Amino acid sequence: CLVNSMNKYIFLDLDGTITQSEFG
């Protein structure tokens, strides 16, 4: 599918998306 190129606001989860949080 095609993303809307105008998407400007990016919401990111933290654990498992930015950090490998499993250890702590």
PDBML (XML) file of the C-alpha atoms, coordinates in Angstrom:
<?xml version="1.0" encoding="UTF-8" ?>
<PDBx:datablock datablockName="MODEL"
   xmlns:PDBx="http://pdbml.pdb.org/schema/pdbx-v50.xsd"
   xmlns:xsi="http://www.w3.org/2001/XMLSchema-instance"
   xsi:schemaLocation="http://pdbml.pdb.org/schema/pdbx-v50.xsd pdbx-v50.xsd">
   <PDBx:atom_siteCategory>
      <PDBx:atom_site id="1">
         <PDBx:B_iso_or_equiv>0.00</PDBx:B_iso_or_equiv>
         <PDBx:Cartn_x>0.000</PDBx:Cartn_x>
         <PDBx:Cartn_y>0.000</PDBx:Cartn_y>
         <PDBx:Cartn_z>0.000</PDBx:Cartn_z>
         <PDBx:auth_asym_id>A</PDBx:auth_asym_id>
         <PDBx:auth_atom_id>CA</PDBx:auth_atom_id>
         <PDBx:auth_comp_id>CYS</PDBx:auth_comp_id>
         <PDBx:auth_seq_id>1</PDBx:auth_seq_id>
         <PDBx:group_PDB>ATOM</PDBx:group_PDB>
         <PDBx:label_alt_id xsi:nil="true" />
         <PDBx:label_asym_id>A</PDBx:label_asym_id>
         <PDBx:label_atom_id>CA</PDBx:label_atom_id>
         <PDBx:label_comp_id>CYS</PDBx:label_comp_id>
         <PDBx:label_entity_id>1</PDBx:label_entity_id>
         <PDBx:label_seq_id>1</PDBx:label_seq_id>
         <PDBx:occupancy>1.00</PDBx:occupancy>
         <PDBx:pdbx_PDB_model_num>1</PDBx:pdbx_PDB_model_num>
         <PDBx:type_symbol>C</PDBx:type_symbol>
      </PDBx:atom_site>
      <PDBx:atom_site id="2">
         <PDBx:B_iso_or_equiv>0.00</PDBx:B_iso_or_equiv>
         <PDBx:Cartn_x>1.115</PDBx:Cartn_x>
         <PDBx:Cartn_y>3.579</PDBx:Cartn_y>
         <PDBx:Cartn_z>-0.475</PDBx:Cartn_z>
         <PDBx:auth_asym_id>A</PDBx:auth_asym_id>
         <PDBx:auth_atom_id>CA</PDBx:auth_atom_id>
         <PDBx:auth_comp_id>LEU</PDBx:auth_comp_id>
         <PDBx:auth_seq_id>2</PDBx:auth_seq_id>
         <PDBx:group_PDB>ATOM</PDBx:group_PDB>
         <PDBx:label_alt_id xsi:nil="true" />
         <PDBx:label_asym_id>A</PDBx:label_asym_id>
         <PDBx:label_atom_id>CA</PDBx:label_atom_id>
         <PDBx:label_comp_id>LEU</PDBx:label_comp_id>
         <PDBx:label_entity_id>1</PDBx:label_entity_id>
         <PDBx:label_seq_id>2</PDBx:label_seq_id>
         <PDBx:occupancy>1.00</PDBx:occupancy>
         <PDBx:pdbx_PDB_model_num>1</PDBx:pdbx_PDB_model_num>
         <PDBx:type_symbol>C</PDBx:type_symbol>
      </PDBx:atom_site>
      <PDBx:atom_site id="3">
         <PDBx:B_iso_or_equiv>0.00</PDBx:B_iso_or_equiv>
         <PDBx:Cartn_x>1.961</PDBx:Cartn_x>
         <PDBx:Cartn_y>5.891</PDBx:Cartn_y>
         <PDBx:Cartn_z>2.410</PDBx:Cartn_z>
         <PDBx:auth_asym_id>A</PDBx:auth_asym_id>
         <PDBx:auth_atom_id>CA</PDBx:auth_atom_id>
         <PDBx:auth_comp_id>VAL</PDBx:auth_comp_id>
         <PDBx:auth_seq_id>3</PDBx:auth_seq_id>
         <PDBx:group_PDB>ATOM</PDBx:group_PDB>
         <PDBx:label_alt_id xsi:nil="true" />
         <PDBx:label_asym_id>A</PDBx:label_asym_id>
         <PDBx:label_atom_id>CA</PDBx:label_atom_id>
         <PDBx:label_comp_id>VAL</PDBx:label_comp_id>
         <PDBx:label_entity_id>1</PDBx:label_entity_id>
         <PDBx:label_seq_id>3</PDBx:label_seq_id>
         <PDBx:occupancy>1.00</PDBx:occupancy>
         <PDBx:pdbx_PDB_model_num>1</PDBx:pdbx_PDB_model_num>
         <PDBx:type_symbol>C</PDBx:type_symbol>
      </PDBx:atom_site>
      <PDBx:atom_site id="4">
         <PDBx:B_iso_or_equiv>0.00</PDBx:B_iso_or_equiv>
         <PDBx:Cartn_x>0.725</PDBx:Cartn_x>
         <PDBx:Cartn_y>9.468</PDBx:Cartn_y>
         <PDBx:Cartn_z>2.250</PDBx:Cartn_z>
         <PDBx:auth_asym_id>A</PDBx:auth_asym_id>
         <PDBx:auth_atom_id>CA</PDBx:auth_atom_id>
         <PDBx:auth_comp_id>ASN</PDBx:auth_comp_id>
         <PDBx:auth_seq_id>4</PDBx:auth_seq_id>
         <PDBx:group_PDB>ATOM</PDBx:group_PDB>
         <PDBx:label_alt_id xsi:nil="true" />
         <PDBx:label_asym_id>A</PDBx:label_asym_id>
         <PDBx:label_atom_id>CA</PDBx:label_atom_id>
         <PDBx:label_comp_id>ASN</PDBx:label_comp_id>
         <PDBx:label_entity_id>1</PDBx:label_entity_id>
         <PDBx:label_seq_id>4</PDBx:label_seq_id>
         <PDBx:occupancy>1.00</PDBx:occupancy>
         <PDBx:pdbx_PDB_model_num>1</PDBx:pdbx_PDB_model_num>
         <PDBx:type_symbol>C</PDBx:type_symbol>
      </PDBx:atom_site>
      <PDBx:atom_site id="5">
         <PDBx:B_iso_or_equiv>0.00</PDBx:B_iso_or_equiv>
         <PDBx:Cartn_x>3.867</PDBx:Cartn_x>
         <PDBx:Cartn_y>11.469</PDBx:Cartn_y>
         <PDBx:Cartn_z>1.507</PDBx:Cartn_z>
         <PDBx:auth_asym_id>A</PDBx:auth_asym_id>
         <PDBx:auth_atom_id>CA</PDBx:auth_atom_id>
         <PDBx:auth_comp_id>SER</PDBx:auth_comp_id>
         <PDBx:auth_seq_id>5</PDBx:auth_seq_id>
         <PDBx:group_PDB>ATOM</PDBx:group_PDB>
         <PDBx:label_alt_id xsi:nil="true" />
         <PDBx:label_asym_id>A</PDBx:label_asym_id>
         <PDBx:label_atom_id>CA</PDBx:label_atom_id>
         <PDBx:label_comp_id>SER</PDBx:label_comp_id>
         <PDBx:label_entity_id>1</PDBx:label_entity_id>
         <PDBx:label_seq_id>5</PDBx:label_seq_id>
         <PDBx:occupancy>1.00</PDBx:occupancy>
         <PDBx:pdbx_PDB_model_num>1</PDBx:pdbx_PDB_model_num>
         <PDBx:type_symbol>C</PDBx:type_symbol>
      </PDBx:atom_site>
      <PDBx:atom_site id="6">
         <PDBx:B_iso_or_equiv>0.00</PDBx:B_iso_or_equiv>
         <PDBx:Cartn_x>2.397</PDBx:Cartn_x>
         <PDBx:Cartn_y>14.369</PDBx:Cartn_y>
         <PDBx:Cartn_z>3.491</PDBx:Cartn_z>
         <PDBx:auth_asym_id>A</PDBx:auth_asym_id>
         <PDBx:auth_atom_id>CA</PDBx:auth_atom_id>
         <PDBx:auth_comp_id>MET</PDBx:auth_comp_id>
         <PDBx:auth_seq_id>6</PDBx:auth_seq_id>
         <PDBx:group_PDB>ATOM</PDBx:group_PDB>
         <PDBx:label_alt_id xsi:nil="true" />
         <PDBx:label_asym_id>A</PDBx:label_asym_id>
         <PDBx:label_atom_id>CA</PDBx:label_atom_id>
         <PDBx:label_comp_id>MET</PDBx:label_comp_id>
         <PDBx:label_entity_id>1</PDBx:label_entity_id>
         <PDBx:label_seq_id>6</PDBx:label_seq_id>
         <PDBx:occupancy>1.00</PDBx:occupancy>
         <PDBx:pdbx_PDB_model_num>1</PDBx:pdbx_PDB_model_num>
         <PDBx:type_symbol>C</PDBx:type_symbol>
      </PDBx:atom_site>
      <PDBx:atom_site id="7">
         <PDBx:B_iso_or_equiv>0.00</PDBx:B_iso_or_equiv>
         <PDBx:Cartn_x>2.539</PDBx:Cartn_x>
         <PDBx:Cartn_y>12.418</PDBx:Cartn_y>
         <PDBx:Cartn_z>6.773</PDBx:Cartn_z>
         <PDBx:auth_asym_id>A</PDBx:auth_asym_id>
         <PDBx:auth_atom_id>CA</PDBx:auth_atom_id>
         <PDBx:auth_comp_id>ASN</PDBx:auth_comp_id>
         <PDBx:auth_seq_id>7</PDBx:auth_seq_id>
         <PDBx:group_PDB>ATOM</PDBx:group_PDB>
         <PDBx:label_alt_id xsi:nil="true" />
         <PDBx:label_asym_id>A</PDBx:label_asym_id>
         <PDBx:label_atom_id>CA</PDBx:label_atom_id>
         <PDBx:label_comp_id>ASN</PDBx:label_comp_id>
         <PDBx:label_entity_id>1</PDBx:label_entity_id>
         <PDBx:label_seq_id>7</PDBx:label_seq_id>
         <PDBx:occupancy>1.00</PDBx:occupancy>
         <PDBx:pdbx_PDB_model_num>1</PDBx:pdbx_PDB_model_num>
         <PDBx:type_symbol>C</PDBx:type_symbol>
      </PDBx:atom_site>
      <PDBx:atom_site id="8">
         <PDBx:B_iso_or_equiv>0.00</PDBx:B_iso_or_equiv>
         <PDBx:Cartn_x>4.503</PDBx:Cartn_x>
         <PDBx:Cartn_y>14.726</PDBx:Cartn_y>
         <PDBx:Cartn_z>9.013</PDBx:Cartn_z>
         <PDBx:auth_asym_id>A</PDBx:auth_asym_id>
         <PDBx:auth_atom_id>CA</PDBx:auth_atom_id>
         <PDBx:auth_comp_id>LYS</PDBx:auth_comp_id>
         <PDBx:auth_seq_id>8</PDBx:auth_seq_id>
         <PDBx:group_PDB>ATOM</PDBx:group_PDB>
         <PDBx:label_alt_id xsi:nil="true" />
         <PDBx:label_asym_id>A</PDBx:label_asym_id>
         <PDBx:label_atom_id>CA</PDBx:label_atom_id>
         <PDBx:label_comp_id>LYS</PDBx:label_comp_id>
         <PDBx:label_entity_id>1</PDBx:label_entity_id>
         <PDBx:label_seq_id>8</PDBx:label_seq_id>
         <PDBx:occupancy>1.00</PDBx:occupancy>
         <PDBx:pdbx_PDB_model_num>1</PDBx:pdbx_PDB_model_num>
         <PDBx:type_symbol>C</PDBx:type_symbol>
      </PDBx:atom_site>
      <PDBx:atom_site id="9">
         <PDBx:B_iso_or_equiv>0.00</PDBx:B_iso_or_equiv>
         <PDBx:Cartn_x>3.813</PDBx:Cartn_x>
         <PDBx:Cartn_y>13.558</PDBx:Cartn_y>
         <PDBx:Cartn_z>12.563</PDBx:Cartn_z>
         <PDBx:auth_asym_id>A</PDBx:auth_asym_id>
         <PDBx:auth_atom_id>CA</PDBx:auth_atom_id>
         <PDBx:auth_comp_id>TYR</PDBx:auth_comp_id>
         <PDBx:auth_seq_id>9</PDBx:auth_seq_id>
         <PDBx:group_PDB>ATOM</PDBx:group_PDB>
         <PDBx:label_alt_id xsi:nil="true" />
         <PDBx:label_asym_id>A</PDBx:label_asym_id>
         <PDBx:label_atom_id>CA</PDBx:label_atom_id>
         <PDBx:label_comp_id>TYR</PDBx:label_comp_id>
         <PDBx:label_entity_id>1</PDBx:label_entity_id>
         <PDBx:label_seq_id>9</PDBx:label_seq_id>
         <PDBx:occupancy>1.00</PDBx:occupancy>
         <PDBx:pdbx_PDB_model_num>1</PDBx:pdbx_PDB_model_num>
         <PDBx:type_symbol>C</PDBx:type_symbol>
      </PDBx:atom_site>
      <PDBx:atom_site id="10">
         <PDBx:B_iso_or_equiv>0.00</PDBx:B_iso_or_equiv>
         <PDBx:Cartn_x>5.582</PDBx:Cartn_x>
         <PDBx:Cartn_y>10.349</PDBx:Cartn_y>
         <PDBx:Cartn_z>13.520</PDBx:Cartn_z>
         <PDBx:auth_asym_id>A</PDBx:auth_asym_id>
         <PDBx:auth_atom_id>CA</PDBx:auth_atom_id>
         <PDBx:auth_comp_id>ILE</PDBx:auth_comp_id>
         <PDBx:auth_seq_id>10</PDBx:auth_seq_id>
         <PDBx:group_PDB>ATOM</PDBx:group_PDB>
         <PDBx:label_alt_id xsi:nil="true" />
         <PDBx:label_asym_id>A</PDBx:label_asym_id>
         <PDBx:label_atom_id>CA</PDBx:label_atom_id>
         <PDBx:label_comp_id>ILE</PDBx:label_comp_id>
         <PDBx:label_entity_id>1</PDBx:label_entity_id>
         <PDBx:label_seq_id>10</PDBx:label_seq_id>
         <PDBx:occupancy>1.00</PDBx:occupancy>
         <PDBx:pdbx_PDB_model_num>1</PDBx:pdbx_PDB_model_num>
         <PDBx:type_symbol>C</PDBx:type_symbol>
      </PDBx:atom_site>
      <PDBx:atom_site id="11">
         <PDBx:B_iso_or_equiv>0.00</PDBx:B_iso_or_equiv>
         <PDBx:Cartn_x>4.541</PDBx:Cartn_x>
         <PDBx:Cartn_y>8.636</PDBx:Cartn_y>
         <PDBx:Cartn_z>16.756</PDBx:Cartn_z>
         <PDBx:auth_asym_id>A</PDBx:auth_asym_id>
         <PDBx:auth_atom_id>CA</PDBx:auth_atom_id>
         <PDBx:auth_comp_id>PHE</PDBx:auth_comp_id>
         <PDBx:auth_seq_id>11</PDBx:auth_seq_id>
         <PDBx:group_PDB>ATOM</PDBx:group_PDB>
         <PDBx:label_alt_id xsi:nil="true" />
         <PDBx:label_asym_id>A</PDBx:label_asym_id>
         <PDBx:label_atom_id>CA</PDBx:label_atom_id>
         <PDBx:label_comp_id>PHE</PDBx:label_comp_id>
         <PDBx:label_entity_id>1</PDBx:label_entity_id>
         <PDBx:label_seq_id>11</PDBx:label_seq_id>
         <PDBx:occupancy>1.00</PDBx:occupancy>
         <PDBx:pdbx_PDB_model_num>1</PDBx:pdbx_PDB_model_num>
         <PDBx:type_symbol>C</PDBx:type_symbol>
      </PDBx:atom_site>
      <PDBx:atom_site id="12">
         <PDBx:B_iso_or_equiv>0.00</PDBx:B_iso_or_equiv>
         <PDBx:Cartn_x>6.887</PDBx:Cartn_x>
         <PDBx:Cartn_y>5.858</PDBx:Cartn_y>
         <PDBx:Cartn_z>17.890</PDBx:Cartn_z>
         <PDBx:auth_asym_id>A</PDBx:auth_asym_id>
         <PDBx:auth_atom_id>CA</PDBx:auth_atom_id>
         <PDBx:auth_comp_id>LEU</PDBx:auth_comp_id>
         <PDBx:auth_seq_id>12</PDBx:auth_seq_id>
         <PDBx:group_PDB>ATOM</PDBx:group_PDB>
         <PDBx:label_alt_id xsi:nil="true" />
         <PDBx:label_asym_id>A</PDBx:label_asym_id>
         <PDBx:label_atom_id>CA</PDBx:label_atom_id>
         <PDBx:label_comp_id>LEU</PDBx:label_comp_id>
         <PDBx:label_entity_id>1</PDBx:label_entity_id>
         <PDBx:label_seq_id>12</PDBx:label_seq_id>
         <PDBx:occupancy>1.00</PDBx:occupancy>
         <PDBx:pdbx_PDB_model_num>1</PDBx:pdbx_PDB_model_num>
         <PDBx:type_symbol>C</PDBx:type_symbol>
      </PDBx:atom_site>
      <PDBx:atom_site id="13">
         <PDBx:B_iso_or_equiv>0.00</PDBx:B_iso_or_equiv>
         <PDBx:Cartn_x>6.480</PDBx:Cartn_x>
         <PDBx:Cartn_y>3.264</PDBx:Cartn_y>
         <PDBx:Cartn_z>20.580</PDBx:Cartn_z>
         <PDBx:auth_asym_id>A</PDBx:auth_asym_id>
         <PDBx:auth_atom_id>CA</PDBx:auth_atom_id>
         <PDBx:auth_comp_id>ASP</PDBx:auth_comp_id>
         <PDBx:auth_seq_id>13</PDBx:auth_seq_id>
         <PDBx:group_PDB>ATOM</PDBx:group_PDB>
         <PDBx:label_alt_id xsi:nil="true" />
         <PDBx:label_asym_id>A</PDBx:label_asym_id>
         <PDBx:label_atom_id>CA</PDBx:label_atom_id>
         <PDBx:label_comp_id>ASP</PDBx:label_comp_id>
         <PDBx:label_entity_id>1</PDBx:label_entity_id>
         <PDBx:label_seq_id>13</PDBx:label_seq_id>
         <PDBx:occupancy>1.00</PDBx:occupancy>
         <PDBx:pdbx_PDB_model_num>1</PDBx:pdbx_PDB_model_num>
         <PDBx:type_symbol>C</PDBx:type_symbol>
      </PDBx:atom_site>
      <PDBx:atom_site id="14">
         <PDBx:B_iso_or_equiv>0.00</PDBx:B_iso_or_equiv>
         <PDBx:Cartn_x>9.574</PDBx:Cartn_x>
         <PDBx:Cartn_y>2.929</PDBx:Cartn_y>
         <PDBx:Cartn_z>22.781</PDBx:Cartn_z>
         <PDBx:auth_asym_id>A</PDBx:auth_asym_id>
         <PDBx:auth_atom_id>CA</PDBx:auth_atom_id>
         <PDBx:auth_comp_id>LEU</PDBx:auth_comp_id>
         <PDBx:auth_seq_id>14</PDBx:auth_seq_id>
         <PDBx:group_PDB>ATOM</PDBx:group_PDB>
         <PDBx:label_alt_id xsi:nil="true" />
         <PDBx:label_asym_id>A</PDBx:label_asym_id>
         <PDBx:label_atom_id>CA</PDBx:label_atom_id>
         <PDBx:label_comp_id>LEU</PDBx:label_comp_id>
         <PDBx:label_entity_id>1</PDBx:label_entity_id>
         <PDBx:label_seq_id>14</PDBx:label_seq_id>
         <PDBx:occupancy>1.00</PDBx:occupancy>
         <PDBx:pdbx_PDB_model_num>1</PDBx:pdbx_PDB_model_num>
         <PDBx:type_symbol>C</PDBx:type_symbol>
      </PDBx:atom_site>
      <PDBx:atom_site id="15">
         <PDBx:B_iso_or_equiv>0.00</PDBx:B_iso_or_equiv>
         <PDBx:Cartn_x>10.080</PDBx:Cartn_x>
         <PDBx:Cartn_y>-0.668</PDBx:Cartn_y>
         <PDBx:Cartn_z>23.933</PDBx:Cartn_z>
         <PDBx:auth_asym_id>A</PDBx:auth_asym_id>
         <PDBx:auth_atom_id>CA</PDBx:auth_atom_id>
         <PDBx:auth_comp_id>ASP</PDBx:auth_comp_id>
         <PDBx:auth_seq_id>15</PDBx:auth_seq_id>
         <PDBx:group_PDB>ATOM</PDBx:group_PDB>
         <PDBx:label_alt_id xsi:nil="true" />
         <PDBx:label_asym_id>A</PDBx:label_asym_id>
         <PDBx:label_atom_id>CA</PDBx:label_atom_id>
         <PDBx:label_comp_id>ASP</PDBx:label_comp_id>
         <PDBx:label_entity_id>1</PDBx:label_entity_id>
         <PDBx:label_seq_id>15</PDBx:label_seq_id>
         <PDBx:occupancy>1.00</PDBx:occupancy>
         <PDBx:pdbx_PDB_model_num>1</PDBx:pdbx_PDB_model_num>
         <PDBx:type_symbol>C</PDBx:type_symbol>
      </PDBx:atom_site>
      <PDBx:atom_site id="16">
         <PDBx:B_iso_or_equiv>0.00</PDBx:B_iso_or_equiv>
         <PDBx:Cartn_x>10.587</PDBx:Cartn_x>
         <PDBx:Cartn_y>-2.995</PDBx:Cartn_y>
         <PDBx:Cartn_z>20.985</PDBx:Cartn_z>
         <PDBx:auth_asym_id>A</PDBx:auth_asym_id>
         <PDBx:auth_atom_id>CA</PDBx:auth_atom_id>
         <PDBx:auth_comp_id>GLY</PDBx:auth_comp_id>
         <PDBx:auth_seq_id>16</PDBx:auth_seq_id>
         <PDBx:group_PDB>ATOM</PDBx:group_PDB>
         <PDBx:label_alt_id xsi:nil="true" />
         <PDBx:label_asym_id>A</PDBx:label_asym_id>
         <PDBx:label_atom_id>CA</PDBx:label_atom_id>
         <PDBx:label_comp_id>GLY</PDBx:label_comp_id>
         <PDBx:label_entity_id>1</PDBx:label_entity_id>
         <PDBx:label_seq_id>16</PDBx:label_seq_id>
         <PDBx:occupancy>1.00</PDBx:occupancy>
         <PDBx:pdbx_PDB_model_num>1</PDBx:pdbx_PDB_model_num>
         <PDBx:type_symbol>C</PDBx:type_symbol>
      </PDBx:atom_site>
      <PDBx:atom_site id="17">
         <PDBx:B_iso_or_equiv>0.00</PDBx:B_iso_or_equiv>
         <PDBx:Cartn_x>10.558</PDBx:Cartn_x>
         <PDBx:Cartn_y>-0.142</PDBx:Cartn_y>
         <PDBx:Cartn_z>18.467</PDBx:Cartn_z>
         <PDBx:auth_asym_id>A</PDBx:auth_asym_id>
         <PDBx:auth_atom_id>CA</PDBx:auth_atom_id>
         <PDBx:auth_comp_id>THR</PDBx:auth_comp_id>
         <PDBx:auth_seq_id>17</PDBx:auth_seq_id>
         <PDBx:group_PDB>ATOM</PDBx:group_PDB>
         <PDBx:label_alt_id xsi:nil="true" />
         <PDBx:label_asym_id>A</PDBx:label_asym_id>
         <PDBx:label_atom_id>CA</PDBx:label_atom_id>
         <PDBx:label_comp_id>THR</PDBx:label_comp_id>
         <PDBx:label_entity_id>1</PDBx:label_entity_id>
         <PDBx:label_seq_id>17</PDBx:label_seq_id>
         <PDBx:occupancy>1.00</PDBx:occupancy>
         <PDBx:pdbx_PDB_model_num>1</PDBx:pdbx_PDB_model_num>
         <PDBx:type_symbol>C</PDBx:type_symbol>
      </PDBx:atom_site>
      <PDBx:atom_site id="18">
         <PDBx:B_iso_or_equiv>0.00</PDBx:B_iso_or_equiv>
         <PDBx:Cartn_x>13.377</PDBx:Cartn_x>
         <PDBx:Cartn_y>2.183</PDBx:Cartn_y>
         <PDBx:Cartn_z>19.508</PDBx:Cartn_z>
         <PDBx:auth_asym_id>A</PDBx:auth_asym_id>
         <PDBx:auth_atom_id>CA</PDBx:auth_atom_id>
         <PDBx:auth_comp_id>ILE</PDBx:auth_comp_id>
         <PDBx:auth_seq_id>18</PDBx:auth_seq_id>
         <PDBx:group_PDB>ATOM</PDBx:group_PDB>
         <PDBx:label_alt_id xsi:nil="true" />
         <PDBx:label_asym_id>A</PDBx:label_asym_id>
         <PDBx:label_atom_id>CA</PDBx:label_atom_id>
         <PDBx:label_comp_id>ILE</PDBx:label_comp_id>
         <PDBx:label_entity_id>1</PDBx:label_entity_id>
         <PDBx:label_seq_id>18</PDBx:label_seq_id>
         <PDBx:occupancy>1.00</PDBx:occupancy>
         <PDBx:pdbx_PDB_model_num>1</PDBx:pdbx_PDB_model_num>
         <PDBx:type_symbol>C</PDBx:type_symbol>
      </PDBx:atom_site>
      <PDBx:atom_site id="19">
         <PDBx:B_iso_or_equiv>0.00</PDBx:B_iso_or_equiv>
         <PDBx:Cartn_x>15.015</PDBx:Cartn_x>
         <PDBx:Cartn_y>0.171</PDBx:Cartn_y>
         <PDBx:Cartn_z>22.301</PDBx:Cartn_z>
         <PDBx:auth_asym_id>A</PDBx:auth_asym_id>
         <PDBx:auth_atom_id>CA</PDBx:auth_atom_id>
         <PDBx:auth_comp_id>THR</PDBx:auth_comp_id>
         <PDBx:auth_seq_id>19</PDBx:auth_seq_id>
         <PDBx:group_PDB>ATOM</PDBx:group_PDB>
         <PDBx:label_alt_id xsi:nil="true" />
         <PDBx:label_asym_id>A</PDBx:label_asym_id>
         <PDBx:label_atom_id>CA</PDBx:label_atom_id>
         <PDBx:label_comp_id>THR</PDBx:label_comp_id>
         <PDBx:label_entity_id>1</PDBx:label_entity_id>
         <PDBx:label_seq_id>19</PDBx:label_seq_id>
         <PDBx:occupancy>1.00</PDBx:occupancy>
         <PDBx:pdbx_PDB_model_num>1</PDBx:pdbx_PDB_model_num>
         <PDBx:type_symbol>C</PDBx:type_symbol>
      </PDBx:atom_site>
      <PDBx:atom_site id="20">
         <PDBx:B_iso_or_equiv>0.00</PDBx:B_iso_or_equiv>
         <PDBx:Cartn_x>15.710</PDBx:Cartn_x>
         <PDBx:Cartn_y>-3.503</PDBx:Cartn_y>
         <PDBx:Cartn_z>22.882</PDBx:Cartn_z>
         <PDBx:auth_asym_id>A</PDBx:auth_asym_id>
         <PDBx:auth_atom_id>CA</PDBx:auth_atom_id>
         <PDBx:auth_comp_id>GLN</PDBx:auth_comp_id>
         <PDBx:auth_seq_id>20</PDBx:auth_seq_id>
         <PDBx:group_PDB>ATOM</PDBx:group_PDB>
         <PDBx:label_alt_id xsi:nil="true" />
         <PDBx:label_asym_id>A</PDBx:label_asym_id>
         <PDBx:label_atom_id>CA</PDBx:label_atom_id>
         <PDBx:label_comp_id>GLN</PDBx:label_comp_id>
         <PDBx:label_entity_id>1</PDBx:label_entity_id>
         <PDBx:label_seq_id>20</PDBx:label_seq_id>
         <PDBx:occupancy>1.00</PDBx:occupancy>
         <PDBx:pdbx_PDB_model_num>1</PDBx:pdbx_PDB_model_num>
         <PDBx:type_symbol>C</PDBx:type_symbol>
      </PDBx:atom_site>
      <PDBx:atom_site id="21">
         <PDBx:B_iso_or_equiv>0.00</PDBx:B_iso_or_equiv>
         <PDBx:Cartn_x>14.186</PDBx:Cartn_x>
         <PDBx:Cartn_y>-3.220</PDBx:Cartn_y>
         <PDBx:Cartn_z>26.305</PDBx:Cartn_z>
         <PDBx:auth_asym_id>A</PDBx:auth_asym_id>
         <PDBx:auth_atom_id>CA</PDBx:auth_atom_id>
         <PDBx:auth_comp_id>SER</PDBx:auth_comp_id>
         <PDBx:auth_seq_id>21</PDBx:auth_seq_id>
         <PDBx:group_PDB>ATOM</PDBx:group_PDB>
         <PDBx:label_alt_id xsi:nil="true" />
         <PDBx:label_asym_id>A</PDBx:label_asym_id>
         <PDBx:label_atom_id>CA</PDBx:label_atom_id>
         <PDBx:label_comp_id>SER</PDBx:label_comp_id>
         <PDBx:label_entity_id>1</PDBx:label_entity_id>
         <PDBx:label_seq_id>21</PDBx:label_seq_id>
         <PDBx:occupancy>1.00</PDBx:occupancy>
         <PDBx:pdbx_PDB_model_num>1</PDBx:pdbx_PDB_model_num>
         <PDBx:type_symbol>C</PDBx:type_symbol>
      </PDBx:atom_site>
      <PDBx:atom_site id="22">
         <PDBx:B_iso_or_equiv>0.00</PDBx:B_iso_or_equiv>
         <PDBx:Cartn_x>13.880</PDBx:Cartn_x>
         <PDBx:Cartn_y>-6.910</PDBx:Cartn_y>
         <PDBx:Cartn_z>27.133</PDBx:Cartn_z>
         <PDBx:auth_asym_id>A</PDBx:auth_asym_id>
         <PDBx:auth_atom_id>CA</PDBx:auth_atom_id>
         <PDBx:auth_comp_id>GLU</PDBx:auth_comp_id>
         <PDBx:auth_seq_id>22</PDBx:auth_seq_id>
         <PDBx:group_PDB>ATOM</PDBx:group_PDB>
         <PDBx:label_alt_id xsi:nil="true" />
         <PDBx:label_asym_id>A</PDBx:label_asym_id>
         <PDBx:label_atom_id>CA</PDBx:label_atom_id>
         <PDBx:label_comp_id>GLU</PDBx:label_comp_id>
         <PDBx:label_entity_id>1</PDBx:label_entity_id>
         <PDBx:label_seq_id>22</PDBx:label_seq_id>
         <PDBx:occupancy>1.00</PDBx:occupancy>
         <PDBx:pdbx_PDB_model_num>1</PDBx:pdbx_PDB_model_num>
         <PDBx:type_symbol>C</PDBx:type_symbol>
      </PDBx:atom_site>
      <PDBx:atom_site id="23">
         <PDBx:B_iso_or_equiv>0.00</PDBx:B_iso_or_equiv>
         <PDBx:Cartn_x>17.016</PDBx:Cartn_x>
         <PDBx:Cartn_y>-7.076</PDBx:Cartn_y>
         <PDBx:Cartn_z>29.262</PDBx:Cartn_z>
         <PDBx:auth_asym_id>A</PDBx:auth_asym_id>
         <PDBx:auth_atom_id>CA</PDBx:auth_atom_id>
         <PDBx:auth_comp_id>PHE</PDBx:auth_comp_id>
         <PDBx:auth_seq_id>23</PDBx:auth_seq_id>
         <PDBx:group_PDB>ATOM</PDBx:group_PDB>
         <PDBx:label_alt_id xsi:nil="true" />
         <PDBx:label_asym_id>A</PDBx:label_asym_id>
         <PDBx:label_atom_id>CA</PDBx:label_atom_id>
         <PDBx:label_comp_id>PHE</PDBx:label_comp_id>
         <PDBx:label_entity_id>1</PDBx:label_entity_id>
         <PDBx:label_seq_id>23</PDBx:label_seq_id>
         <PDBx:occupancy>1.00</PDBx:occupancy>
         <PDBx:pdbx_PDB_model_num>1</PDBx:pdbx_PDB_model_num>
         <PDBx:type_symbol>C</PDBx:type_symbol>
      </PDBx:atom_site>
      <PDBx:atom_site id="24">
         <PDBx:B_iso_or_equiv>0.00</PDBx:B_iso_or_equiv>
         <PDBx:Cartn_x>16.074</PDBx:Cartn_x>
         <PDBx:Cartn_y>-4.451</PDBx:Cartn_y>
         <PDBx:Cartn_z>31.825</PDBx:Cartn_z>
         <PDBx:auth_asym_id>A</PDBx:auth_asym_id>
         <PDBx:auth_atom_id>CA</PDBx:auth_atom_id>
         <PDBx:auth_comp_id>GLY</PDBx:auth_comp_id>
         <PDBx:auth_seq_id>24</PDBx:auth_seq_id>
         <PDBx:group_PDB>ATOM</PDBx:group_PDB>
         <PDBx:label_alt_id xsi:nil="true" />
         <PDBx:label_asym_id>A</PDBx:label_asym_id>
         <PDBx:label_atom_id>CA</PDBx:label_atom_id>
         <PDBx:label_comp_id>GLY</PDBx:label_comp_id>
         <PDBx:label_entity_id>1</PDBx:label_entity_id>
         <PDBx:label_seq_id>24</PDBx:label_seq_id>
         <PDBx:occupancy>1.00</PDBx:occupancy>
         <PDBx:pdbx_PDB_model_num>1</PDBx:pdbx_PDB_model_num>
         <PDBx:type_symbol>C</PDBx:type_symbol>
      </PDBx:atom_site>
   </PDBx:atom_siteCategory>
</PDBx:datablock>
